[in-house]
Amino acid sequence: MPDTKLPDTKMPPQFLTREQVREVDRRAVTEYGMTGLVLMENAGRGCADVLCNLGISGRVVLCCGKGNNGGDGLVIARHLDSRGCEARVLLFCDPAELSGDAAANYKTIEAADLPISQFTKDKADEWLDEQLADADWIVDALLGTGAHGEPRPPLNDVLRRINAHPAKKLAVDLPSGLDCDTGNCASSTFRADHTCTFVAAKVGFRGEEAKQFLGVLHTLDIGAPRKLLNQLLPPRK
């Protein structure tokens, strides 16, 4: 699986907007008969592959939000666990707030007895420091491509504490706090060593500010049909 650092590519990279990201998922389901669970499974498994190829020498702590980005993180945790890696999920919402494919994957890892710890505002800093204390990798699956602007409390403070931790860091699809369309970065943007983005890079990744937070970019296939992608992405020149 080739790793690329923008903009050092021989071929012009292709980019998706926020709306095109939504269209890939929507049309894969409505026109091609795929399911969101399959797309999420492929995304999470691809991220797990990248982590294993990069090397894991200790615990992987996955910080998961309530949206599909968090669902991707839950899939990653399951695949790491199945490969004998020590994975711990930090859930930054009430499980009852999960819906759809993310909720389904939460039920799976809960039934599989994976370590899950839910964020609480009571002694939040001490809790987070304890959960991250022995992390080899921290995975950011908090906010996805739909997010923009400054992350709301408590996630802004959570991201700052994560950034201060010495563990290696991987972002799922994009670093939380980075606007996928504009490339604007919040003051608390997750600073990734590696970013696993899905289908194609996002238009905001072209910005100089964004590149400081992406680290090494890995573009992962999630199984969307090539015909669909050719309709949404401009041809390479």
C-alpha atoms as a PDB file:
ATOM      1  CA  MET A   1       0.000   0.000   0.000  1.00  0.00           C
ATOM      2  CA  PRO A   2       1.807   3.167  -1.152  1.00  0.00           C
ATOM      3  CA  ASP A   3       2.152   6.110   1.195  1.00  0.00           C
ATOM      4  CA  THR A   4       2.041   9.614  -0.263  1.00  0.00           C
ATOM      5  CA  LYS A   5       2.881  13.014   1.119  1.00  0.00           C
ATOM      6  CA  LEU A   6       0.984  15.817  -0.566  1.00  0.00           C
ATOM      7  CA  PRO A   7       1.916  17.320  -2.930  1.00  0.00           C
ATOM      8  CA  ASP A   8       4.866  15.031  -3.745  1.00  0.00           C
ATOM      9  CA  THR A   9       3.086  12.731  -6.207  1.00  0.00           C
ATOM     10  CA  LYS A  10       3.991  11.937  -9.802  1.00  0.00           C
ATOM     11  CA  MET A  11       0.334  11.934 -10.831  1.00  0.00           C
ATOM     12  CA  PRO A  12      -1.989  14.810  -9.936  1.00  0.00           C
ATOM     13  CA  PRO A  13      -3.934  13.743  -6.838  1.00  0.00           C
ATOM     14  CA  GLN A  14      -7.716  13.606  -6.994  1.00  0.00           C
ATOM     15  CA  PHE A  15      -9.825  15.416  -4.428  1.00  0.00           C
ATOM     16  CA  LEU A  16     -13.337  15.133  -3.011  1.00  0.00           C
ATOM     17  CA  THR A  17     -15.500  17.851  -1.506  1.00  0.00           C
ATOM     18  CA  ARG A  18     -17.697  17.310   1.536  1.00  0.00           C
ATOM     19  CA  GLU A  19     -20.749  16.974  -0.707  1.00  0.00           C
ATOM     20  CA  GLN A  20     -19.011  14.458  -2.978  1.00  0.00           C
ATOM     21  CA  VAL A  21     -18.069  12.352   0.052  1.00  0.00           C
ATOM     22  CA  ARG A  22     -21.763  12.177   0.940  1.00  0.00           C
ATOM     23  CA  GLU A  23     -22.632  11.323  -2.647  1.00  0.00           C
ATOM     24  CA  VAL A  24     -20.212   8.396  -2.721  1.00  0.00           C
ATOM     25  CA  ASP A  25     -21.907   6.836   0.306  1.00  0.00           C
ATOM     26  CA  ARG A  26     -25.446   7.681  -0.790  1.00  0.00           C
ATOM     27  CA  ARG A  27     -25.119   6.425  -4.343  1.00  0.00           C
ATOM     28  CA  ALA A  28     -23.150   3.313  -3.360  1.00  0.00           C
ATOM     29  CA  VAL A  29     -26.153   2.337  -1.230  1.00  0.00           C
ATOM     30  CA  THR A  30     -29.090   3.556  -3.337  1.00  0.00           C
ATOM     31  CA  GLU A  31     -27.775   2.825  -6.852  1.00  0.00           C
ATOM     32  CA  TYR A  32     -25.339  -0.049  -6.370  1.00  0.00           C
ATOM     33  CA  GLY A  33     -27.003  -2.050  -3.617  1.00  0.00           C
ATOM     34  CA  MET A  34     -24.208  -1.724  -1.104  1.00  0.00           C
ATOM     35  CA  THR A  35     -24.799  -1.136   2.603  1.00  0.00           C
ATOM     36  CA  GLY A  36     -23.306   1.414   4.946  1.00  0.00           C
ATOM     37  CA  LEU A  37     -22.067  -1.436   7.113  1.00  0.00           C
ATOM     38  CA  VAL A  38     -19.979  -2.806   4.231  1.00  0.00           C
ATOM     39  CA  LEU A  39     -18.466   0.609   3.508  1.00  0.00           C
ATOM     40  CA  MET A  40     -17.693   1.143   7.195  1.00  0.00           C
ATOM     41  CA  GLU A  41     -16.224  -2.338   7.484  1.00  0.00           C
ATOM     42  CA  ASN A  42     -13.912  -1.751   4.530  1.00  0.00           C
ATOM     43  CA  ALA A  43     -12.831   1.632   5.906  1.00  0.00           C
ATOM     44  CA  GLY A  44     -12.061   0.305   9.367  1.00  0.00           C
ATOM     45  CA  ARG A  45     -10.295  -2.802   8.149  1.00  0.00           C
ATOM     46  CA  GLY A  46      -8.144  -0.692   5.829  1.00  0.00           C
ATOM     47  CA  CYS A  47      -7.071   1.513   8.732  1.00  0.00           C
ATOM     48  CA  ALA A  48      -6.231  -1.562  10.810  1.00  0.00           C
ATOM     49  CA  ASP A  49      -4.089  -2.829   7.926  1.00  0.00           C
ATOM     50  CA  VAL A  50      -2.173   0.453   7.832  1.00  0.00           C
ATOM     51  CA  LEU A  51      -1.583   0.411  11.597  1.00  0.00           C
ATOM     52  CA  CYS A  52      -0.300  -3.155  11.482  1.00  0.00           C
ATOM     53  CA  ASN A  53       1.965  -2.370   8.531  1.00  0.00           C
ATOM     54  CA  LEU A  54       3.376   0.638  10.368  1.00  0.00           C
ATOM     55  CA  GLY A  55       4.044  -1.493  13.439  1.00  0.00           C
ATOM     56  CA  ILE A  56       2.298  -1.785  16.784  1.00  0.00           C
ATOM     57  CA  SER A  57       4.384  -2.363  19.888  1.00  0.00           C
ATOM     58  CA  GLY A  58       1.792  -1.699  22.575  1.00  0.00           C
ATOM     59  CA  ARG A  59      -1.757  -0.616  23.211  1.00  0.00           C
ATOM     60  CA  VAL A  60      -3.812   1.195  20.577  1.00  0.00           C
ATOM     61  CA  VAL A  61      -6.283   3.657  22.082  1.00  0.00           C
ATOM     62  CA  LEU A  62      -9.170   4.566  19.779  1.00  0.00           C
ATOM     63  CA  CYS A  63     -10.991   7.826  20.527  1.00  0.00           C
ATOM     64  CA  CYS A  64     -14.465   7.479  19.023  1.00  0.00           C
ATOM     65  CA  GLY A  65     -17.226  10.033  18.558  1.00  0.00           C
ATOM     66  CA  LYS A  66     -20.916   9.437  17.952  1.00  0.00           C
ATOM     67  CA  GLY A  67     -20.956   9.654  14.148  1.00  0.00           C
ATOM     68  CA  ASN A  68     -19.809   7.367  11.346  1.00  0.00           C
ATOM     69  CA  ASN A  69     -16.206   8.406  11.940  1.00  0.00           C
ATOM     70  CA  GLY A  70     -16.542   6.923  15.413  1.00  0.00           C
ATOM     71  CA  GLY A  71     -18.106   3.835  13.855  1.00  0.00           C
ATOM     72  CA  ASP A  72     -14.994   3.436  11.700  1.00  0.00           C
ATOM     73  CA  GLY A  73     -12.950   3.531  14.899  1.00  0.00           C
ATOM     74  CA  LEU A  74     -15.042   0.750  16.423  1.00  0.00           C
ATOM     75  CA  VAL A  75     -14.384  -1.428  13.367  1.00  0.00           C
ATOM     76  CA  ILE A  76     -10.649  -0.726  13.654  1.00  0.00           C
ATOM     77  CA  ALA A  77     -10.727  -1.837  17.291  1.00  0.00           C
ATOM     78  CA  ARG A  78     -12.412  -5.116  16.400  1.00  0.00           C
ATOM     79  CA  HIS A  79      -9.930  -5.924  13.639  1.00  0.00           C
ATOM     80  CA  LEU A  80      -6.951  -5.097  15.834  1.00  0.00           C
ATOM     81  CA  ASP A  81      -8.369  -7.298  18.588  1.00  0.00           C
ATOM     82  CA  SER A  82      -8.891 -10.168  16.142  1.00  0.00           C
ATOM     83  CA  ARG A  83      -5.213  -9.895  15.161  1.00  0.00           C
ATOM     84  CA  GLY A  84      -4.054 -10.124  18.763  1.00  0.00           C
ATOM     85  CA  CYS A  85      -3.345  -6.422  19.259  1.00  0.00           C
ATOM     86  CA  GLU A  86      -4.375  -4.720  22.478  1.00  0.00           C
ATOM     87  CA  ALA A  87      -7.072  -2.189  21.623  1.00  0.00           C
ATOM     88  CA  ARG A  88      -8.995   0.095  23.973  1.00  0.00           C
ATOM     89  CA  VAL A  89     -12.002   2.191  22.913  1.00  0.00           C
ATOM     90  CA  LEU A  90     -12.659   5.573  24.493  1.00  0.00           C
ATOM     91  CA  LEU A  91     -16.243   6.537  23.685  1.00  0.00           C
ATOM     92  CA  PHE A  92     -16.921  10.276  23.773  1.00  0.00           C
ATOM     93  CA  CYS A  93     -20.706  10.036  23.883  1.00  0.00           C
ATOM     94  CA  ASP A  94     -23.455   8.051  25.537  1.00  0.00           C
ATOM     95  CA  PRO A  95     -23.852   4.707  23.700  1.00  0.00           C
ATOM     96  CA  ALA A  96     -27.547   5.579  23.355  1.00  0.00           C
ATOM     97  CA  GLU A  97     -26.521   8.478  21.073  1.00  0.00           C
ATOM     98  CA  LEU A  98     -25.031   6.089  18.530  1.00  0.00           C
ATOM     99  CA  SER A  99     -27.229   5.267  15.577  1.00  0.00           C
ATOM    100  CA  GLY A 100     -27.230   3.231  12.379  1.00  0.00           C
ATOM    101  CA  ASP A 101     -24.008   1.518  11.411  1.00  0.00           C
ATOM    102  CA  ALA A 102     -22.041   2.987  14.323  1.00  0.00           C
ATOM    103  CA  ALA A 103     -24.586   1.585  16.796  1.00  0.00           C
ATOM    104  CA  ALA A 104     -24.405  -1.827  15.128  1.00  0.00           C
ATOM    105  CA  ASN A 105     -20.632  -1.927  15.428  1.00  0.00           C
ATOM    106  CA  TYR A 106     -20.792  -0.803  19.039  1.00  0.00           C
ATOM    107  CA  LYS A 107     -23.069  -3.763  19.848  1.00  0.00           C
ATOM    108  CA  THR A 108     -20.541  -6.065  18.199  1.00  0.00           C
ATOM    109  CA  ILE A 109     -17.516  -4.900  20.169  1.00  0.00           C
ATOM    110  CA  GLU A 110     -19.541  -4.784  23.378  1.00  0.00           C
ATOM    111  CA  ALA A 111     -20.611  -8.408  22.875  1.00  0.00           C
ATOM    112  CA  ALA A 112     -16.992  -9.303  22.091  1.00  0.00           C
ATOM    113  CA  ASP A 113     -15.893  -7.835  25.455  1.00  0.00           C
ATOM    114  CA  LEU A 114     -13.466  -5.334  24.009  1.00  0.00           C
ATOM    115  CA  PRO A 115     -12.294  -2.780  26.586  1.00  0.00           C
ATOM    116  CA  ILE A 116     -14.576   0.263  26.360  1.00  0.00           C
ATOM    117  CA  SER A 117     -14.413   3.317  28.597  1.00  0.00           C
ATOM    118  CA  GLN A 118     -16.963   6.120  28.355  1.00  0.00           C
ATOM    119  CA  PHE A 119     -15.954   9.737  28.750  1.00  0.00           C
ATOM    120  CA  THR A 120     -17.261  11.526  31.797  1.00  0.00           C
ATOM    121  CA  LYS A 121     -16.940  15.199  32.712  1.00  0.00           C
ATOM    122  CA  ASP A 122     -16.124  14.234  36.280  1.00  0.00           C
ATOM    123  CA  LYS A 123     -12.317  14.484  36.606  1.00  0.00           C
ATOM    124  CA  ALA A 124     -12.082  14.413  32.821  1.00  0.00           C
ATOM    125  CA  ASP A 125      -8.381  15.319  32.602  1.00  0.00           C
ATOM    126  CA  GLU A 126      -7.331  12.655  35.087  1.00  0.00           C
ATOM    127  CA  TRP A 127      -9.503  10.062  33.328  1.00  0.00           C
ATOM    128  CA  LEU A 128      -8.034  10.818  29.912  1.00  0.00           C
ATOM    129  CA  ASP A 129      -4.447  10.821  31.161  1.00  0.00           C
ATOM    130  CA  GLU A 130      -5.039   7.435  32.785  1.00  0.00           C
ATOM    131  CA  GLN A 131      -6.597   5.959  29.635  1.00  0.00           C
ATOM    132  CA  LEU A 132      -3.764   7.204  27.425  1.00  0.00           C
ATOM    133  CA  ALA A 133      -0.921   6.497  29.826  1.00  0.00           C
ATOM    134  CA  ASP A 134       0.430   3.377  28.096  1.00  0.00           C
ATOM    135  CA  ALA A 135      -0.697   4.083  24.525  1.00  0.00           C
ATOM    136  CA  ASP A 136       1.627   3.183  21.659  1.00  0.00           C
ATOM    137  CA  TRP A 137      -0.858   4.619  19.138  1.00  0.00           C
ATOM    138  CA  ILE A 138      -3.764   7.039  19.565  1.00  0.00           C
ATOM    139  CA  VAL A 139      -6.404   6.881  16.832  1.00  0.00           C
ATOM    140  CA  ASP A 140      -8.579   9.932  16.189  1.00  0.00           C
ATOM    141  CA  ALA A 141     -12.088   8.818  15.162  1.00  0.00           C
ATOM    142  CA  LEU A 142     -13.878  11.741  16.792  1.00  0.00           C
ATOM    143  CA  LEU A 143     -15.069  14.039  13.995  1.00  0.00           C
ATOM    144  CA  GLY A 144     -15.595  13.302  10.308  1.00  0.00           C
ATOM    145  CA  THR A 145     -15.896  15.235   7.067  1.00  0.00           C
ATOM    146  CA  GLY A 146     -19.201  16.808   8.113  1.00  0.00           C
ATOM    147  CA  ALA A 147     -17.588  18.782  10.934  1.00  0.00           C
ATOM    148  CA  HIS A 148     -16.429  22.369  10.581  1.00  0.00           C
ATOM    149  CA  GLY A 149     -15.341  25.142  12.898  1.00  0.00           C
ATOM    150  CA  GLU A 150     -13.865  24.756  16.354  1.00  0.00           C
ATOM    151  CA  PRO A 151     -14.640  21.410  18.020  1.00  0.00           C
ATOM    152  CA  ARG A 152     -17.102  21.970  20.830  1.00  0.00           C
ATOM    153  CA  PRO A 153     -16.225  21.381  24.484  1.00  0.00           C
ATOM    154  CA  PRO A 154     -15.131  18.978  25.768  1.00  0.00           C
ATOM    155  CA  LEU A 155     -13.621  17.703  22.509  1.00  0.00           C
ATOM    156  CA  ASN A 156     -11.475  20.806  22.066  1.00  0.00           C
ATOM    157  CA  ASP A 157      -9.747  20.173  25.394  1.00  0.00           C
ATOM    158  CA  VAL A 158      -9.571  16.431  24.714  1.00  0.00           C
ATOM    159  CA  LEU A 159      -7.785  17.045  21.414  1.00  0.00           C
ATOM    160  CA  ARG A 160      -5.262  19.370  23.050  1.00  0.00           C
ATOM    161  CA  ARG A 161      -4.389  16.772  25.685  1.00  0.00           C
ATOM    162  CA  ILE A 162      -4.107  14.058  23.047  1.00  0.00           C
ATOM    163  CA  ASN A 163      -1.765  16.231  20.983  1.00  0.00           C
ATOM    164  CA  ALA A 164       0.473  16.672  24.023  1.00  0.00           C
ATOM    165  CA  HIS A 165       0.812  12.889  24.453  1.00  0.00           C
ATOM    166  CA  PRO A 166       3.996  11.286  23.051  1.00  0.00           C
ATOM    167  CA  ALA A 167       2.200   8.325  21.421  1.00  0.00           C
ATOM    168  CA  LYS A 168       2.117   7.938  17.645  1.00  0.00           C
ATOM    169  CA  LYS A 169      -1.090   9.302  16.174  1.00  0.00           C
ATOM    170  CA  LEU A 170      -3.343   8.263  13.308  1.00  0.00           C
ATOM    171  CA  ALA A 171      -6.392  10.154  12.025  1.00  0.00           C
ATOM    172  CA  VAL A 172      -9.378   8.386  10.486  1.00  0.00           C
ATOM    173  CA  ASP A 173     -10.382  10.071   7.187  1.00  0.00           C
ATOM    174  CA  LEU A 174      -9.093  13.450   8.381  1.00  0.00           C
ATOM    175  CA  PRO A 175      -7.755  14.990  11.582  1.00  0.00           C
ATOM    176  CA  SER A 176     -10.539  16.251  13.849  1.00  0.00           C
ATOM    177  CA  GLY A 177     -10.671  20.025  13.674  1.00  0.00           C
ATOM    178  CA  LEU A 178      -9.625  20.221  10.003  1.00  0.00           C
ATOM    179  CA  ASP A 179     -12.339  21.455   7.620  1.00  0.00           C
ATOM    180  CA  CYS A 180     -12.330  19.076   4.651  1.00  0.00           C
ATOM    181  CA  ASP A 181     -13.479  21.762   2.185  1.00  0.00           C
ATOM    182  CA  THR A 182     -11.561  24.861   3.246  1.00  0.00           C
ATOM    183  CA  GLY A 183      -8.520  23.310   4.898  1.00  0.00           C
ATOM    184  CA  ASN A 184      -8.992  25.646   7.859  1.00  0.00           C
ATOM    185  CA  CYS A 185      -7.666  24.165  11.089  1.00  0.00           C
ATOM    186  CA  ALA A 186      -9.089  24.764  14.541  1.00  0.00           C
ATOM    187  CA  SER A 187      -6.760  25.717  17.372  1.00  0.00           C
ATOM    188  CA  SER A 188      -7.239  22.213  18.794  1.00  0.00           C
ATOM    189  CA  THR A 189      -6.863  20.252  15.531  1.00  0.00           C
ATOM    190  CA  PHE A 190      -5.546  16.695  15.957  1.00  0.00           C
ATOM    191  CA  ARG A 191      -1.925  16.585  14.830  1.00  0.00           C
ATOM    192  CA  ALA A 192      -1.558  13.252  13.038  1.00  0.00           C
ATOM    193  CA  ASP A 193       1.581  11.371  12.140  1.00  0.00           C
ATOM    194  CA  HIS A 194      -0.513   9.425   9.629  1.00  0.00           C
ATOM    195  CA  THR A 195      -3.949  10.016   8.115  1.00  0.00           C
ATOM    196  CA  CYS A 196      -6.017   7.280   6.491  1.00  0.00           C
ATOM    197  CA  THR A 197      -8.434   9.006   4.144  1.00  0.00           C
ATOM    198  CA  PHE A 198     -11.121   7.199   2.183  1.00  0.00           C
ATOM    199  CA  VAL A 199     -11.651   7.051  -1.590  1.00  0.00           C
ATOM    200  CA  ALA A 200      -9.608  10.205  -2.332  1.00  0.00           C
ATOM    201  CA  ALA A 201      -7.941  13.130  -0.610  1.00  0.00           C
ATOM    202  CA  LYS A 202     -10.223  15.969   0.432  1.00  0.00           C
ATOM    203  CA  VAL A 203     -10.001  19.380  -1.239  1.00  0.00           C
ATOM    204  CA  GLY A 204      -8.985  21.027   2.025  1.00  0.00           C
ATOM    205  CA  PHE A 205      -5.860  18.872   2.194  1.00  0.00           C
ATOM    206  CA  ARG A 206      -4.253  21.088  -0.453  1.00  0.00           C
ATOM    207  CA  GLY A 207      -3.875  23.975   1.987  1.00  0.00           C
ATOM    208  CA  GLU A 208      -0.469  24.601   3.530  1.00  0.00           C
ATOM    209  CA  GLU A 209      -1.989  24.793   7.013  1.00  0.00           C
ATOM    210  CA  ALA A 210      -3.737  21.448   6.587  1.00  0.00           C
ATOM    211  CA  LYS A 211      -0.562  19.670   5.532  1.00  0.00           C
ATOM    212  CA  GLN A 212       0.961  20.410   8.947  1.00  0.00           C
ATOM    213  CA  PHE A 213      -1.692  18.229  10.598  1.00  0.00           C
ATOM    214  CA  LEU A 214      -2.074  15.361   8.097  1.00  0.00           C
ATOM    215  CA  GLY A 215       1.285  13.641   8.445  1.00  0.00           C
ATOM    216  CA  VAL A 216       1.726  10.843   5.908  1.00  0.00           C
ATOM    217  CA  LEU A 217      -1.443  10.431   3.846  1.00  0.00           C
ATOM    218  CA  HIS A 218      -2.765   6.950   3.053  1.00  0.00           C
ATOM    219  CA  THR A 219      -5.641   6.869   0.557  1.00  0.00           C
ATOM    220  CA  LEU A 220      -7.784   3.777   1.144  1.00  0.00           C
ATOM    221  CA  ASP A 221     -10.279   2.015  -1.090  1.00  0.00           C
ATOM    222  CA  ILE A 222     -13.587   1.242   0.674  1.00  0.00           C
ATOM    223  CA  GLY A 223     -15.100  -0.820  -2.129  1.00  0.00           C
ATOM    224  CA  ALA A 224     -17.157   1.860  -3.888  1.00  0.00           C
ATOM    225  CA  PRO A 225     -17.568   0.850  -7.565  1.00  0.00           C
ATOM    226  CA  ARG A 226     -15.094   2.361 -10.004  1.00  0.00           C
ATOM    227  CA  LYS A 227     -17.951   3.466 -12.270  1.00  0.00           C
ATOM    228  CA  LEU A 228     -19.350   5.598  -9.445  1.00  0.00           C
ATOM    229  CA  LEU A 229     -15.987   7.139  -8.639  1.00  0.00           C
ATOM    230  CA  ASN A 230     -15.326   7.950 -12.289  1.00  0.00           C
ATOM    231  CA  GLN A 231     -18.581   9.880 -12.347  1.00  0.00           C
ATOM    232  CA  LEU A 232     -17.623  11.964  -9.303  1.00  0.00           C
ATOM    233  CA  LEU A 233     -13.874  12.412  -9.708  1.00  0.00           C
ATOM    234  CA  PRO A 234     -12.248  14.296 -12.584  1.00  0.00           C
ATOM    235  CA  PRO A 235     -10.036  12.140 -14.801  1.00  0.00           C
ATOM    236  CA  ARG A 236      -6.315  12.226 -14.160  1.00  0.00           C
ATOM    237  CA  LYS A 237      -4.355  14.130 -16.785  1.00  0.00           C
END
